Amino acid sequence: MSAPIYTAADLGNIASNLAGDYIQMADIDLTGMDWIPLGNGYPDTFTGSYDGNGFTISNMTVGSAFLPDYSYGGLFGSVGGNGYSPSLMKIVLLNCNVVGNNLIFGGCLCGALYSGSVTECYGEGLVNVAGAAGGLIGDAEATYSDITIDNCAFAPFKNSCSVETEPGNTGVAIGGLIGVTYTYRLRTFTITDCYAASPVIPGSSDPSNVMGGMTGYNYGATYTSCYYDETVSGQSDTGNGTPELTALMQEQSTYSGWDFTDIWQISPLAGGDFGYPYFKWMAVSGPQCKASQVLIDARSGKPVNFARH
């Protein structure tokens, strides 16, 4: 039976049993906390299951100076490893901030993913780290076990989004959803029915940096029916997701094969001003970002701001 998570204290206590199974039972606000990621690299890695149960985790801040160099940034620092099949599902992270030159990998959901499944997870906020940066996941490597990621998104639901790297760093990988996807030893790594709508901004123009609207660098992972907003991201790469203009990203017909019966919905069909797809179980009350109000194109090298109403 999964242990219930009601409070920020319950969430932090997962660190004492990274192999446990958990289910979130209430919205959790981490305002004012310096969040310590759960797990910080193999073998200190999360290997259990976490069901967000459709509740939100909001205002998470990772990257305070007390974290050591080469830390992994996110709600989870690292997830999975040899012989493990962890599961992350229905986790919603709103207004997260994963920022710091002491973070080698960073994403709102997890810094690094080494095995298991990620299903119906959503993030928004700012990711700005020293190495591999992704909206949801920094570094994802199917090293010893398979990985599946499906029906996930990084987009500005109630607050703005941006994926960046710290100024001056070189040899980094930056992606709207995932920084790096890598497959070893004939393992299977699939990403299906996912999208990203975030600026992707490198900390320098060094040619060793690699960037993508969905993923910065991919070796061997397979992307199916994945999309990213090329207007907002400032990227136009193909193969790791299909680039689309903002107007098309707000059309249900763009998302070939997606489940808009049981999993996704999209405005204006579902009401409200948020133009991108979001999960049917996500609450839409309160201010939402208007995706059509992109004030500055990411190609200018400046963050994109979204007006709130």
Protein backbone atom coordinates (compact mmCIF):
# COMPACT_ATOMS: atom_id res chain seq x y z
CA MET A 1 0.00 0.00 0.00
CA SER A 2 1.29 3.47 -0.90
CA ALA A 3 2.11 5.85 1.94
CA PRO A 4 -0.01 9.06 1.83
CA ILE A 5 1.68 12.45 1.32
CA TYR A 6 -0.28 15.39 2.70
CA THR A 7 2.31 18.04 3.61
CA ALA A 8 5.72 19.42 2.72
CA ALA A 9 7.11 17.55 5.72
CA ASP A 10 5.67 14.28 4.40
CA LEU A 11 7.24 15.01 1.03
CA GLY A 12 10.66 15.68 2.57
CA ASN A 13 10.48 12.50 4.63
CA ILE A 14 10.61 10.44 1.44
CA ALA A 15 14.38 10.96 1.68
CA SER A 16 14.42 8.43 4.53
CA ASN A 17 13.02 5.70 2.27
CA LEU A 18 13.80 6.26 -1.39
CA ALA A 19 12.51 2.78 -2.25
CA GLY A 20 8.98 3.38 -0.92
CA ASP A 21 5.67 3.80 -2.70
CA TYR A 22 3.81 7.09 -2.20
CA ILE A 23 0.57 8.81 -3.19
CA GLN A 24 -0.08 12.53 -2.81
CA MET A 25 -3.35 13.42 -1.06
CA ALA A 26 -3.37 17.23 -1.08
CA ASP A 27 -1.90 20.26 -2.85
CA ILE A 28 1.50 21.15 -1.35
CA ASP A 29 3.01 24.65 -1.29
CA LEU A 30 6.80 24.81 -0.78
CA THR A 31 6.98 28.61 -0.52
CA GLY A 32 9.89 29.74 1.67
CA MET A 33 11.63 26.35 1.69
CA ASP A 34 15.04 25.49 0.29
CA TRP A 35 14.03 22.19 -1.23
CA ILE A 36 16.57 19.37 -1.01
CA PRO A 37 16.07 17.04 -3.98
CA LEU A 38 15.13 13.45 -3.17
CA GLY A 39 18.24 11.46 -4.10
CA ASN A 40 21.44 12.97 -5.45
CA GLY A 41 22.92 10.49 -7.90
CA TYR A 42 23.29 6.73 -8.04
CA PRO A 43 23.24 4.86 -5.65
CA ASP A 44 21.46 7.63 -3.69
CA THR A 45 18.49 7.48 -6.05
CA PHE A 46 14.72 7.15 -5.88
CA THR A 47 13.66 3.63 -6.85
CA GLY A 48 10.05 3.48 -5.63
CA SER A 49 6.84 4.96 -7.01
CA TYR A 50 5.22 8.36 -6.61
CA ASP A 51 1.65 9.07 -7.69
CA GLY A 52 0.91 12.78 -7.61
CA ASN A 53 -2.75 11.86 -7.83
CA GLY A 54 -3.50 15.06 -9.76
CA PHE A 55 -2.62 17.37 -6.86
CA THR A 56 -0.10 20.17 -7.29
CA ILE A 57 3.32 20.92 -5.82
CA SER A 58 3.90 24.66 -6.11
CA ASN A 59 6.65 27.22 -5.52
CA MET A 60 9.53 24.75 -5.21
CA THR A 61 13.00 26.35 -5.10
CA VAL A 62 16.12 24.24 -5.63
CA GLY A 63 19.73 25.36 -5.85
CA SER A 64 20.57 27.15 -2.66
CA ALA A 65 24.26 27.66 -1.92
CA PHE A 66 24.33 24.95 0.76
CA LEU A 67 23.89 22.23 -1.88
CA PRO A 68 27.29 20.81 -2.92
CA ASP A 69 28.73 21.26 -6.39
CA TYR A 70 27.61 18.72 -9.00
CA SER A 71 24.24 18.28 -7.32
CA TYR A 72 21.16 17.05 -9.18
CA GLY A 73 18.29 19.54 -9.18
CA GLY A 74 14.55 18.88 -9.18
CA LEU A 75 11.79 17.52 -7.00
CA PHE A 76 13.79 14.31 -7.28
CA GLY A 77 17.54 14.58 -7.71
CA SER A 78 17.96 11.23 -9.41
CA VAL A 79 15.53 8.43 -10.20
CA GLY A 80 16.19 4.78 -11.07
CA GLY A 81 19.27 2.74 -11.78
CA ASN A 82 20.47 -0.78 -12.49
CA GLY A 83 17.67 -3.29 -11.99
CA TYR A 84 15.09 -0.78 -10.76
CA SER A 85 11.77 0.21 -12.33
CA PRO A 86 10.59 3.35 -10.52
CA SER A 87 7.37 5.08 -11.50
CA LEU A 88 6.47 8.79 -11.46
CA MET A 89 2.92 9.68 -12.46
CA LYS A 90 0.36 12.49 -12.35
CA ILE A 91 2.80 14.97 -10.77
CA VAL A 92 2.09 18.68 -11.38
CA LEU A 93 4.82 21.20 -10.54
CA LEU A 94 3.76 24.84 -10.73
CA ASN A 95 6.12 27.83 -10.50
CA CYS A 96 9.19 25.73 -9.79
CA ASN A 97 12.67 27.28 -9.73
CA VAL A 98 15.66 25.02 -10.25
CA VAL A 99 18.57 27.44 -10.43
CA GLY A 100 22.27 27.32 -9.63
CA ASN A 101 25.76 26.83 -10.97
CA ASN A 102 26.14 24.05 -8.39
CA LEU A 103 23.56 21.93 -10.23
CA ILE A 104 25.08 19.69 -12.90
CA PHE A 105 21.69 18.34 -14.06
CA GLY A 106 18.35 20.07 -13.59
CA GLY A 107 14.64 19.75 -14.35
CA CYS A 108 11.50 20.55 -12.39
CA LEU A 109 10.65 16.86 -11.98
CA CYS A 110 14.13 15.34 -11.67
CA GLY A 111 17.74 16.10 -12.38
CA ALA A 112 18.51 12.64 -13.76
CA LEU A 113 16.45 9.61 -14.80
CA TYR A 114 18.19 6.26 -15.23
CA SER A 115 15.30 3.81 -15.54
CA GLY A 116 11.56 3.44 -15.12
CA SER A 117 8.49 5.31 -16.32
CA VAL A 118 7.25 8.90 -16.22
CA THR A 119 3.55 9.30 -17.05
CA GLU A 120 1.19 12.29 -17.12
CA CYS A 121 3.57 14.75 -15.45
CA TYR A 122 3.46 18.50 -15.97
CA GLY A 123 5.83 21.31 -15.06
CA GLU A 124 6.23 25.06 -15.41
CA GLY A 125 8.80 27.53 -14.10
CA LEU A 126 12.49 28.33 -14.50
CA VAL A 127 15.33 25.83 -14.92
CA ASN A 128 18.82 27.36 -15.09
CA VAL A 129 21.74 25.05 -14.26
CA ALA A 130 25.37 24.40 -15.14
CA GLY A 131 25.01 21.28 -17.29
CA ALA A 132 22.09 19.35 -18.78
CA ALA A 133 18.90 21.41 -18.43
CA GLY A 134 15.37 20.36 -19.32
CA GLY A 135 11.97 21.65 -18.33
CA LEU A 136 11.01 18.37 -16.67
CA ILE A 137 14.18 16.27 -16.72
CA GLY A 138 17.82 17.29 -17.03
CA ASP A 139 19.57 14.06 -18.02
CA ALA A 140 17.74 10.84 -18.99
CA GLU A 141 19.89 7.79 -19.75
CA ALA A 142 18.63 4.25 -20.31
CA THR A 143 21.89 2.82 -19.03
CA TYR A 144 20.95 -0.54 -17.55
CA SER A 145 17.16 -0.54 -17.75
CA ASP A 146 14.48 0.73 -20.14
CA ILE A 147 12.81 4.14 -19.88
CA THR A 148 9.35 5.24 -21.00
CA ILE A 149 8.10 8.83 -20.88
CA ASP A 150 4.57 9.48 -22.07
CA ASN A 151 1.93 12.20 -21.91
CA CYS A 152 4.15 14.82 -20.27
CA ALA A 153 4.53 18.56 -20.78
CA PHE A 154 6.48 21.66 -19.80
CA ALA A 155 4.47 24.78 -20.55
CA PRO A 156 3.25 28.00 -18.87
CA PHE A 157 -0.04 26.91 -17.27
CA LYS A 158 -0.27 29.63 -14.59
CA ASN A 159 3.24 31.11 -14.65
CA SER A 160 5.96 31.70 -17.24
CA CYS A 161 8.54 29.10 -18.30
CA SER A 162 12.17 29.15 -19.35
CA VAL A 163 14.99 26.61 -19.67
CA GLU A 164 18.47 28.11 -19.52
CA THR A 165 22.07 27.43 -18.53
CA GLU A 166 24.25 29.55 -16.31
CA PRO A 167 26.26 32.28 -18.10
CA GLY A 168 29.64 31.24 -19.47
CA ASN A 169 29.15 27.48 -19.27
CA THR A 170 30.05 25.45 -22.35
CA GLY A 171 29.40 21.91 -23.54
CA VAL A 172 25.88 21.95 -22.14
CA ALA A 173 22.64 20.41 -23.42
CA ILE A 174 19.38 22.37 -23.14
CA GLY A 175 15.90 21.19 -24.12
CA GLY A 176 12.38 22.38 -23.53
CA LEU A 177 11.34 19.07 -21.96
CA ILE A 178 14.56 17.08 -21.47
CA GLY A 179 18.21 18.15 -21.65
CA VAL A 180 19.70 14.81 -22.74
CA THR A 181 18.21 11.49 -23.82
CA TYR A 182 20.68 8.64 -24.24
CA THR A 183 20.36 4.89 -24.76
CA TYR A 184 23.01 2.32 -23.91
CA ARG A 185 23.43 -1.42 -24.51
CA LEU A 186 20.39 -1.90 -26.75
CA ARG A 187 18.03 -0.67 -24.06
CA THR A 188 14.65 0.80 -25.07
CA PHE A 189 13.93 4.47 -24.51
CA THR A 190 10.65 5.89 -25.81
CA ILE A 191 9.08 9.35 -25.49
CA THR A 192 5.45 9.47 -26.63
CA ASP A 193 2.72 12.14 -26.75
CA CYS A 194 4.71 14.89 -25.04
CA TYR A 195 5.18 18.59 -25.74
CA ALA A 196 7.15 21.64 -24.65
CA ALA A 197 6.39 25.35 -24.93
CA SER A 198 9.29 27.16 -23.31
CA PRO A 199 12.14 29.47 -24.26
CA VAL A 200 15.43 27.54 -24.58
CA ILE A 201 18.29 29.93 -23.81
CA PRO A 202 22.00 29.01 -23.58
CA GLY A 203 24.27 30.85 -21.19
CA SER A 204 26.80 31.40 -23.98
CA SER A 205 27.06 31.15 -27.76
CA ASP A 206 29.84 28.55 -27.57
CA PRO A 207 29.47 26.01 -30.43
CA SER A 208 29.88 23.11 -27.97
CA ASN A 209 26.43 23.86 -26.56
CA VAL A 210 23.56 21.78 -27.99
CA MET A 211 19.96 22.95 -27.89
CA GLY A 212 16.54 21.75 -28.95
CA GLY A 213 12.94 22.75 -28.54
CA MET A 214 12.12 19.35 -27.05
CA THR A 215 15.52 17.82 -26.25
CA GLY A 216 19.01 19.27 -26.38
CA TYR A 217 20.87 16.08 -27.30
CA ASN A 218 19.50 12.66 -28.23
CA TYR A 219 21.28 9.39 -28.87
CA GLY A 220 19.05 6.39 -29.52
CA ALA A 221 15.77 7.44 -27.89
CA THR A 222 12.61 7.24 -30.02
CA TYR A 223 10.17 10.17 -30.14
CA THR A 224 6.58 9.56 -31.29
CA SER A 225 3.90 12.26 -31.64
CA CYS A 226 5.93 14.82 -29.69
CA TYR A 227 5.80 18.55 -30.41
CA TYR A 228 7.34 21.83 -29.32
CA ASP A 229 6.57 25.49 -29.88
CA GLU A 230 9.29 26.76 -32.21
CA THR A 231 8.18 30.39 -31.85
CA VAL A 232 8.55 30.39 -28.09
CA SER A 233 11.60 28.11 -27.90
CA GLY A 234 13.60 29.87 -30.59
CA GLN A 235 14.60 26.41 -31.90
CA SER A 236 13.78 24.62 -35.15
CA ASP A 237 15.45 21.22 -34.82
CA THR A 238 13.66 18.08 -36.01
CA GLY A 239 13.83 14.40 -35.12
CA ASN A 240 13.36 14.89 -31.39
CA GLY A 241 9.83 16.24 -31.65
CA THR A 242 8.12 18.26 -34.34
CA PRO A 243 8.44 22.06 -34.32
CA GLU A 244 5.16 23.95 -34.70
CA LEU A 245 4.15 27.60 -34.61
CA THR A 246 2.30 28.80 -31.51
CA ALA A 247 -1.04 28.97 -33.34
CA LEU A 248 -0.76 25.31 -34.36
CA MET A 249 0.34 24.26 -30.88
CA GLN A 250 -3.06 25.53 -29.73
CA GLU A 251 -4.99 23.34 -32.19
CA GLN A 252 -6.11 19.89 -31.09
CA SER A 253 -5.67 18.59 -34.64
CA THR A 254 -1.90 19.13 -34.38
CA TYR A 255 -1.51 16.36 -31.81
CA SER A 256 -1.78 13.24 -33.93
CA GLY A 257 -2.94 10.18 -32.04
CA TRP A 258 -3.24 11.89 -28.65
CA ASP A 259 -5.98 10.84 -26.26
CA PHE A 260 -8.28 13.83 -25.92
CA THR A 261 -11.02 11.61 -24.50
CA ASP A 262 -9.48 10.47 -21.23
CA ILE A 263 -6.12 12.26 -20.77
CA TRP A 264 -5.83 15.66 -22.46
CA GLN A 265 -8.01 18.69 -23.11
CA ILE A 266 -7.27 21.95 -24.85
CA SER A 267 -8.62 25.50 -24.73
CA PRO A 268 -10.70 27.08 -26.10
CA LEU A 269 -12.54 23.77 -26.49
CA ALA A 270 -12.36 23.25 -22.72
CA GLY A 271 -12.83 26.94 -21.87
CA GLY A 272 -10.33 29.41 -20.46
CA ASP A 273 -7.42 31.27 -22.00
CA PHE A 274 -4.65 28.69 -21.74
CA GLY A 275 -4.03 27.64 -25.32
CA TYR A 276 -1.89 24.51 -24.94
CA PRO A 277 -3.08 21.01 -23.96
CA TYR A 278 -3.39 20.20 -20.27
CA PHE A 279 -4.65 17.20 -18.35
CA LYS A 280 -8.36 16.71 -17.82
CA TRP A 281 -7.76 16.38 -14.10
CA MET A 282 -5.89 19.70 -13.80
CA ALA A 283 -7.83 22.53 -12.17
CA VAL A 284 -8.19 25.57 -14.40
CA SER A 285 -9.61 28.00 -11.85
CA GLY A 286 -7.60 31.14 -11.14
CA PRO A 287 -5.19 33.06 -13.37
CA GLN A 288 -3.83 31.26 -16.41
CA CYS A 289 -1.11 32.32 -18.79
CA LYS A 290 -2.39 33.44 -22.16
CA ALA A 291 -0.20 31.51 -24.53
CA SER A 292 -1.02 33.89 -27.37
CA GLN A 293 0.59 36.80 -25.53
CA VAL A 294 4.23 36.10 -26.29
CA LEU A 295 5.86 39.47 -25.79
CA ILE A 296 9.40 38.71 -26.99
CA ASP A 297 10.47 35.99 -29.38
CA ALA A 298 13.13 33.71 -27.91
CA ARG A 299 15.31 34.24 -30.97
CA SER A 300 16.14 37.65 -29.51
CA GLY A 301 17.99 35.88 -26.73
CA LYS A 302 15.72 37.29 -24.03
CA PRO A 303 13.22 35.41 -21.86
CA VAL A 304 9.65 35.27 -23.09
CA ASN A 305 7.09 36.80 -20.73
CA PHE A 306 3.46 35.81 -20.54
CA ALA A 307 0.81 38.25 -19.37
CA ARG A 308 -1.57 37.09 -16.66
CA HIS A 309 -5.18 38.18 -16.48
